[in-house]
PDB file of N, CA and C in Angstrom:
ATOM      1  N   UNK A   1     -10.332 -28.485  10.368  1.00  0.00           N
ATOM      2  CA  UNK A   1      -9.382 -27.403  10.140  1.00  0.00           C
ATOM      3  C   UNK A   1      -9.384 -26.492  11.375  1.00  0.00           C
ATOM      4  N   UNK A   2      -8.234 -26.223  11.900  1.00  0.00           N
ATOM      5  CA  UNK A   2      -8.134 -25.339  13.058  1.00  0.00           C
ATOM      6  C   UNK A   2      -8.238 -23.889  12.613  1.00  0.00           C
ATOM      7  N   UNK A   3      -8.646 -22.999  13.520  1.00  0.00           N
ATOM      8  CA  UNK A   3      -8.797 -21.587  13.138  1.00  0.00           C
ATOM      9  C   UNK A   3      -7.497 -20.947  12.661  1.00  0.00           C
ATOM     10  N   UNK A   4      -6.356 -21.421  13.150  1.00  0.00           N
ATOM     11  CA  UNK A   4      -5.083 -20.802  12.776  1.00  0.00           C
ATOM     12  C   UNK A   4      -4.616 -21.237  11.391  1.00  0.00           C
ATOM     13  N   UNK A   5      -5.142 -22.347  10.879  1.00  0.00           N
ATOM     14  CA  UNK A   5      -4.669 -22.875   9.596  1.00  0.00           C
ATOM     15  C   UNK A   5      -5.613 -22.460   8.474  1.00  0.00           C
ATOM     16  N   UNK A   6      -5.520 -21.215   8.061  1.00  0.00           N
ATOM     17  CA  UNK A   6      -6.319 -20.753   6.936  1.00  0.00           C
ATOM     18  C   UNK A   6      -5.594 -21.038   5.647  1.00  0.00           C
ATOM     19  N   UNK A   7      -6.330 -21.330   4.584  1.00  0.00           N
ATOM     20  CA  UNK A   7      -5.654 -21.555   3.298  1.00  0.00           C
ATOM     21  C   UNK A   7      -5.010 -20.264   2.790  1.00  0.00           C
ATOM     22  N   UNK A   8      -3.843 -20.399   2.228  1.00  0.00           N
ATOM     23  CA  UNK A   8      -3.105 -19.245   1.720  1.00  0.00           C
ATOM     24  C   UNK A   8      -3.452 -19.061   0.253  1.00  0.00           C
ATOM     25  N   UNK A   9      -3.895 -17.851  -0.074  1.00  0.00           N
ATOM     26  CA  UNK A   9      -4.232 -17.546  -1.459  1.00  0.00           C
ATOM     27  C   UNK A   9      -3.076 -16.807  -2.122  1.00  0.00           C
ATOM     28  N   UNK A  10      -2.808 -17.119  -3.367  1.00  0.00           N
ATOM     29  CA  UNK A  10      -1.772 -16.341  -4.055  1.00  0.00           C
ATOM     30  C   UNK A  10      -2.252 -14.910  -4.273  1.00  0.00           C
ATOM     31  N   UNK A  11      -1.354 -13.970  -4.103  1.00  0.00           N
ATOM     32  CA  UNK A  11      -1.716 -12.564  -4.255  1.00  0.00           C
ATOM     33  C   UNK A  11      -1.772 -12.172  -5.715  1.00  0.00           C
ATOM     34  N   UNK A  12      -2.734 -11.334  -6.016  1.00  0.00           N
ATOM     35  CA  UNK A  12      -2.820 -10.790  -7.365  1.00  0.00           C
ATOM     36  C   UNK A  12      -1.902  -9.576  -7.440  1.00  0.00           C
ATOM     37  N   UNK A  13      -1.082  -9.533  -8.440  1.00  0.00           N
ATOM     38  CA  UNK A  13      -0.242  -8.367  -8.646  1.00  0.00           C
ATOM     39  C   UNK A  13      -0.914  -7.474  -9.671  1.00  0.00           C
ATOM     40  N   UNK A  14      -1.090  -6.232  -9.317  1.00  0.00           N
ATOM     41  CA  UNK A  14      -1.683  -5.278 -10.237  1.00  0.00           C
ATOM     42  C   UNK A  14      -0.591  -4.753 -11.148  1.00  0.00           C
ATOM     43  N   UNK A  15      -0.824  -4.812 -12.405  1.00  0.00           N
ATOM     44  CA  UNK A  15       0.149  -4.323 -13.373  1.00  0.00           C
ATOM     45  C   UNK A  15      -0.225  -2.909 -13.785  1.00  0.00           C
ATOM     46  N   UNK A  16       0.767  -2.057 -13.778  1.00  0.00           N
ATOM     47  CA  UNK A  16       0.551  -0.693 -14.251  1.00  0.00           C
ATOM     48  C   UNK A  16       0.903  -0.624 -15.723  1.00  0.00           C
ATOM     49  N   UNK A  17       0.146   0.142 -16.451  1.00  0.00           N
ATOM     50  CA  UNK A  17       0.396   0.288 -17.885  1.00  0.00           C
ATOM     51  C   UNK A  17       1.446   1.367 -18.104  1.00  0.00           C
ATOM     52  N   UNK A  18       2.685   0.978 -18.185  1.00  0.00           N
ATOM     53  CA  UNK A  18       3.759   1.931 -18.444  1.00  0.00           C
ATOM     54  C   UNK A  18       4.137   2.714 -17.198  1.00  0.00           C
ATOM     55  N   UNK A  19       4.868   3.793 -17.393  1.00  0.00           N
ATOM     56  CA  UNK A  19       5.310   4.591 -16.245  1.00  0.00           C
ATOM     57  C   UNK A  19       4.150   5.360 -15.619  1.00  0.00           C
ATOM     58  N   UNK A  20       4.297   5.671 -14.337  1.00  0.00           N
ATOM     59  CA  UNK A  20       3.281   6.420 -13.611  1.00  0.00           C
ATOM     60  C   UNK A  20       3.536   7.900 -13.843  1.00  0.00           C
ATOM     61  N   UNK A  21       2.486   8.629 -14.215  1.00  0.00           N
ATOM     62  CA  UNK A  21       2.613  10.059 -14.489  1.00  0.00           C
ATOM     63  C   UNK A  21       1.820  10.827 -13.443  1.00  0.00           C
ATOM     64  N   UNK A  22       2.397  11.864 -12.861  1.00  0.00           N
ATOM     65  CA  UNK A  22       1.714  12.634 -11.828  1.00  0.00           C
ATOM     66  C   UNK A  22       0.549  13.433 -12.382  1.00  0.00           C
ATOM     67  N   UNK A  23       0.489  13.603 -13.704  1.00  0.00           N
ATOM     68  CA  UNK A  23      -0.609  14.357 -14.315  1.00  0.00           C
ATOM     69  C   UNK A  23      -1.842  13.492 -14.572  1.00  0.00           C
ATOM     70  N   UNK A  24      -1.697  12.175 -14.473  1.00  0.00           N
ATOM     71  CA  UNK A  24      -2.807  11.254 -14.702  1.00  0.00           C
ATOM     72  C   UNK A  24      -3.569  11.063 -13.388  1.00  0.00           C
ATOM     73  N   UNK A  25      -4.449  12.002 -13.077  1.00  0.00           N
ATOM     74  CA  UNK A  25      -5.130  12.023 -11.784  1.00  0.00           C
ATOM     75  C   UNK A  25      -6.110  10.865 -11.649  1.00  0.00           C
ATOM     76  N   UNK A  26      -6.746  10.460 -12.730  1.00  0.00           N
ATOM     77  CA  UNK A  26      -7.720   9.368 -12.631  1.00  0.00           C
ATOM     78  C   UNK A  26      -7.045   8.059 -12.223  1.00  0.00           C
ATOM     79  N   UNK A  27      -5.859   7.809 -12.737  1.00  0.00           N
ATOM     80  CA  UNK A  27      -5.136   6.602 -12.346  1.00  0.00           C
ATOM     81  C   UNK A  27      -4.664   6.696 -10.900  1.00  0.00           C
ATOM     82  N   UNK A  28      -4.192   7.865 -10.494  1.00  0.00           N
ATOM     83  CA  UNK A  28      -3.669   8.020  -9.142  1.00  0.00           C
ATOM     84  C   UNK A  28      -4.766   7.940  -8.094  1.00  0.00           C
ATOM     85  N   UNK A  29      -5.985   8.335  -8.425  1.00  0.00           N
ATOM     86  CA  UNK A  29      -7.084   8.290  -7.461  1.00  0.00           C
ATOM     87  C   UNK A  29      -7.425   6.861  -7.038  1.00  0.00           C
ATOM     88  N   UNK A  30      -7.076   5.880  -7.860  1.00  0.00           N
ATOM     89  CA  UNK A  30      -7.340   4.490  -7.478  1.00  0.00           C
ATOM     90  C   UNK A  30      -6.434   4.043  -6.336  1.00  0.00           C
ATOM     91  N   UNK A  31      -5.345   4.764  -6.088  1.00  0.00           N
ATOM     92  CA  UNK A  31      -4.405   4.409  -5.033  1.00  0.00           C
ATOM     93  C   UNK A  31      -4.550   5.300  -3.806  1.00  0.00           C
ATOM     94  N   UNK A  32      -5.606   6.113  -3.754  1.00  0.00           N
ATOM     95  CA  UNK A  32      -5.834   7.020  -2.636  1.00  0.00           C
ATOM     96  C   UNK A  32      -7.174   6.692  -2.005  1.00  0.00           C
ATOM     97  N   UNK A  33      -7.232   6.692  -0.667  1.00  0.00           N
ATOM     98  CA  UNK A  33      -8.486   6.422   0.031  1.00  0.00           C
ATOM     99  C   UNK A  33      -9.388   7.656  -0.038  1.00  0.00           C
ATOM    100  N   UNK A  34     -10.604   7.510   0.469  1.00  0.00           N
ATOM    101  CA  UNK A  34     -11.538   8.638   0.438  1.00  0.00           C
ATOM    102  C   UNK A  34     -11.101   9.770   1.360  1.00  0.00           C
ATOM    103  N   UNK A  35     -10.241   9.474   2.312  1.00  0.00           N
ATOM    104  CA  UNK A  35      -9.713  10.515   3.200  1.00  0.00           C
ATOM    105  C   UNK A  35      -8.430  11.145   2.668  1.00  0.00           C
ATOM    106  N   UNK A  36      -7.944  10.660   1.536  1.00  0.00           N
ATOM    107  CA  UNK A  36      -6.762  11.249   0.923  1.00  0.00           C
ATOM    108  C   UNK A  36      -5.462  10.553   1.246  1.00  0.00           C
ATOM    109  N   UNK A  37      -5.526   9.419   1.928  1.00  0.00           N
ATOM    110  CA  UNK A  37      -4.305   8.702   2.275  1.00  0.00           C
ATOM    111  C   UNK A  37      -3.917   7.734   1.164  1.00  0.00           C
ATOM    112  N   UNK A  38      -2.624   7.490   1.037  1.00  0.00           N
ATOM    113  CA  UNK A  38      -2.123   6.540   0.050  1.00  0.00           C
ATOM    114  C   UNK A  38      -2.379   5.136   0.576  1.00  0.00           C
ATOM    115  N   UNK A  39      -2.982   4.299  -0.259  1.00  0.00           N
ATOM    116  CA  UNK A  39      -3.292   2.934   0.163  1.00  0.00           C
ATOM    117  C   UNK A  39      -2.020   2.098   0.246  1.00  0.00           C
ATOM    118  N   UNK A  40      -2.039   1.118   1.126  1.00  0.00           N
ATOM    119  CA  UNK A  40      -0.877   0.259   1.356  1.00  0.00           C
ATOM    120  C   UNK A  40      -0.655  -0.689   0.180  1.00  0.00           C
ATOM    121  N   UNK A  41       0.554  -1.195   0.080  1.00  0.00           N
ATOM    122  CA  UNK A  41       0.896  -2.155  -0.978  1.00  0.00           C
ATOM    123  C   UNK A  41       0.060  -3.406  -0.888  1.00  0.00           C
ATOM    124  N   UNK A  42      -0.199  -3.875   0.319  1.00  0.00           N
ATOM    125  CA  UNK A  42      -0.952  -5.114   0.470  1.00  0.00           C
ATOM    126  C   UNK A  42      -2.399  -4.943   0.039  1.00  0.00           C
ATOM    127  N   UNK A  43      -2.891  -3.714   0.037  1.00  0.00           N
ATOM    128  CA  UNK A  43      -4.261  -3.447  -0.404  1.00  0.00           C
ATOM    129  C   UNK A  43      -4.310  -3.319  -1.924  1.00  0.00           C
ATOM    130  N   UNK A  44      -3.359  -2.604  -2.500  1.00  0.00           N
ATOM    131  CA  UNK A  44      -3.379  -2.348  -3.938  1.00  0.00           C
ATOM    132  C   UNK A  44      -2.780  -3.480  -4.750  1.00  0.00           C
ATOM    133  N   UNK A  45      -1.876  -4.257  -4.162  1.00  0.00           N
ATOM    134  CA  UNK A  45      -1.262  -5.363  -4.882  1.00  0.00           C
ATOM    135  C   UNK A  45      -0.123  -4.952  -5.782  1.00  0.00           C
ATOM    136  N   UNK A  46       0.473  -3.792  -5.523  1.00  0.00           N
ATOM    137  CA  UNK A  46       1.598  -3.336  -6.335  1.00  0.00           C
ATOM    138  C   UNK A  46       2.897  -3.962  -5.852  1.00  0.00           C
ATOM    139  N   UNK A  47       3.873  -3.973  -6.741  1.00  0.00           N
ATOM    140  CA  UNK A  47       5.213  -4.383  -6.348  1.00  0.00           C
ATOM    141  C   UNK A  47       5.861  -3.210  -5.612  1.00  0.00           C
ATOM    142  N   UNK A  48       6.939  -3.453  -4.868  1.00  0.00           N
ATOM    143  CA  UNK A  48       7.583  -2.338  -4.159  1.00  0.00           C
ATOM    144  C   UNK A  48       8.039  -1.206  -5.083  1.00  0.00           C
ATOM    145  N   UNK A  49       8.572  -1.555  -6.236  1.00  0.00           N
ATOM    146  CA  UNK A  49       9.016  -0.525  -7.174  1.00  0.00           C
ATOM    147  C   UNK A  49       7.835   0.286  -7.693  1.00  0.00           C
ATOM    148  N   UNK A  50       6.739  -0.381  -8.025  1.00  0.00           N
ATOM    149  CA  UNK A  50       5.557   0.327  -8.506  1.00  0.00           C
ATOM    150  C   UNK A  50       4.988   1.225  -7.412  1.00  0.00           C
ATOM    151  N   UNK A  51       4.995   0.745  -6.167  1.00  0.00           N
ATOM    152  CA  UNK A  51       4.448   1.546  -5.079  1.00  0.00           C
ATOM    153  C   UNK A  51       5.273   2.803  -4.844  1.00  0.00           C
ATOM    154  N   UNK A  52       6.596   2.698  -4.980  1.00  0.00           N
ATOM    155  CA  UNK A  52       7.438   3.894  -4.847  1.00  0.00           C
ATOM    156  C   UNK A  52       7.139   4.900  -5.949  1.00  0.00           C
ATOM    157  N   UNK A  53       6.935   4.410  -7.178  1.00  0.00           N
ATOM    158  CA  UNK A  53       6.604   5.306  -8.289  1.00  0.00           C
ATOM    159  C   UNK A  53       5.262   5.991  -8.057  1.00  0.00           C
ATOM    160  N   UNK A  54       4.277   5.237  -7.606  1.00  0.00           N
ATOM    161  CA  UNK A  54       2.951   5.790  -7.351  1.00  0.00           C
ATOM    162  C   UNK A  54       3.016   6.823  -6.228  1.00  0.00           C
ATOM    163  N   UNK A  55       3.759   6.506  -5.163  1.00  0.00           N
ATOM    164  CA  UNK A  55       3.877   7.433  -4.040  1.00  0.00           C
ATOM    165  C   UNK A  55       4.510   8.745  -4.464  1.00  0.00           C
ATOM    166  N   UNK A  56       5.574   8.677  -5.243  1.00  0.00           N
ATOM    167  CA  UNK A  56       6.225   9.893  -5.731  1.00  0.00           C
ATOM    168  C   UNK A  56       5.295  10.692  -6.629  1.00  0.00           C
ATOM    169  N   UNK A  57       4.557  10.006  -7.491  1.00  0.00           N
ATOM    170  CA  UNK A  57       3.632  10.692  -8.387  1.00  0.00           C
ATOM    171  C   UNK A  57       2.500  11.360  -7.613  1.00  0.00           C
ATOM    172  N   UNK A  58       1.994  10.697  -6.577  1.00  0.00           N
ATOM    173  CA  UNK A  58       0.920  11.290  -5.767  1.00  0.00           C
ATOM    174  C   UNK A  58       1.427  12.524  -5.038  1.00  0.00           C
ATOM    175  N   UNK A  59       2.637  12.451  -4.502  1.00  0.00           N
ATOM    176  CA  UNK A  59       3.192  13.605  -3.791  1.00  0.00           C
ATOM    177  C   UNK A  59       3.422  14.777  -4.735  1.00  0.00           C
ATOM    178  N   UNK A  60       3.864  14.502  -5.958  1.00  0.00           N
ATOM    179  CA  UNK A  60       4.028  15.575  -6.940  1.00  0.00           C
ATOM    180  C   UNK A  60       2.670  16.178  -7.319  1.00  0.00           C
ATOM    181  N   UNK A  61       1.665  15.337  -7.495  1.00  0.00           N
ATOM    182  CA  UNK A  61       0.335  15.830  -7.849  1.00  0.00           C
ATOM    183  C   UNK A  61      -0.259  16.656  -6.719  1.00  0.00           C
ATOM    184  N   UNK A  62       0.039  16.301  -5.482  1.00  0.00           N
ATOM    185  CA  UNK A  62      -0.438  17.102  -4.345  1.00  0.00           C
ATOM    186  C   UNK A  62       0.219  18.475  -4.335  1.00  0.00           C
ATOM    187  N   UNK A  63       1.499  18.521  -4.648  1.00  0.00           N
ATOM    188  CA  UNK A  63       2.201  19.810  -4.697  1.00  0.00           C
ATOM    189  C   UNK A  63       1.615  20.720  -5.772  1.00  0.00           C
ATOM    190  N   UNK A  64       1.150  20.118  -6.855  1.00  0.00           N
ATOM    191  CA  UNK A  64       0.563  20.889  -7.945  1.00  0.00           C
ATOM    192  C   UNK A  64      -0.941  21.118  -7.756  1.00  0.00           C
ATOM    193  N   UNK A  65      -1.458  20.738  -6.596  1.00  0.00           N
ATOM    194  CA  UNK A  65      -2.869  20.928  -6.224  1.00  0.00           C
ATOM    195  C   UNK A  65      -3.829  20.150  -7.125  1.00  0.00           C
ATOM    196  N   UNK A  66      -3.386  18.993  -7.619  1.00  0.00           N
ATOM    197  CA  UNK A  66      -4.274  18.139  -8.399  1.00  0.00           C
ATOM    198  C   UNK A  66      -4.969  17.105  -7.522  1.00  0.00           C
ATOM    199  N   UNK A  67      -4.339  16.760  -6.399  1.00  0.00           N
ATOM    200  CA  UNK A  67      -4.897  15.793  -5.461  1.00  0.00           C
ATOM    201  C   UNK A  67      -4.909  16.401  -4.064  1.00  0.00           C
ATOM    202  N   UNK A  68      -5.840  15.953  -3.214  1.00  0.00           N
ATOM    203  CA  UNK A  68      -5.893  16.508  -1.857  1.00  0.00           C
ATOM    204  C   UNK A  68      -4.864  15.886  -0.927  1.00  0.00           C
ATOM    205  N   UNK A  69      -4.491  16.647   0.091  1.00  0.00           N
ATOM    206  CA  UNK A  69      -3.670  16.113   1.166  1.00  0.00           C
ATOM    207  C   UNK A  69      -4.601  15.340   2.104  1.00  0.00           C
ATOM    208  N   UNK A  70      -4.053  14.442   2.931  1.00  0.00           N
ATOM    209  CA  UNK A  70      -4.915  13.702   3.863  1.00  0.00           C
ATOM    210  C   UNK A  70      -5.621  14.670   4.805  1.00  0.00           C
ATOM    211  N   UNK A  71      -6.917  14.415   5.016  1.00  0.00           N
ATOM    212  CA  UNK A  71      -7.683  15.265   5.904  1.00  0.00           C
ATOM    213  C   UNK A  71      -7.517  14.788   7.344  1.00  0.00           C
ATOM    214  N   UNK A  72      -7.688  15.674   8.258  1.00  0.00           N
ATOM    215  CA  UNK A  72      -7.577  15.323   9.670  1.00  0.00           C
ATOM    216  C   UNK A  72      -8.831  14.581  10.107  1.00  0.00           C
ATOM    217  N   UNK A  73      -8.640  13.560  10.937  1.00  0.00           N
ATOM    218  CA  UNK A  73      -9.780  12.858  11.499  1.00  0.00           C
ATOM    219  C   UNK A  73     -10.477  13.715  12.546  1.00  0.00           C
ATOM    220  N   UNK A  74     -11.643  13.383  12.932  1.00  0.00           N
ATOM    221  CA  UNK A  74     -12.465  14.044  13.945  1.00  0.00           C
ATOM    222  C   UNK A  74     -13.670  14.662  13.351  1.00  0.00           C
TER     223      UNK A  74
END
């Protein structure tokens, strides 16, 4: 097997239980890194529609001071 020919694994799609709510901080924290950044779709395994819902919910929760904004590096 050559180094460029790696086996392709099927991606696991993470299913969300119902609609995403900005008040459900415990669920939203699973999609945020330790520095406060929103994790990418390829990391979380969400569909594009689910990722948009999660992103909007995280931004609303940040406005309400339930979640932190990304911290500056350094």
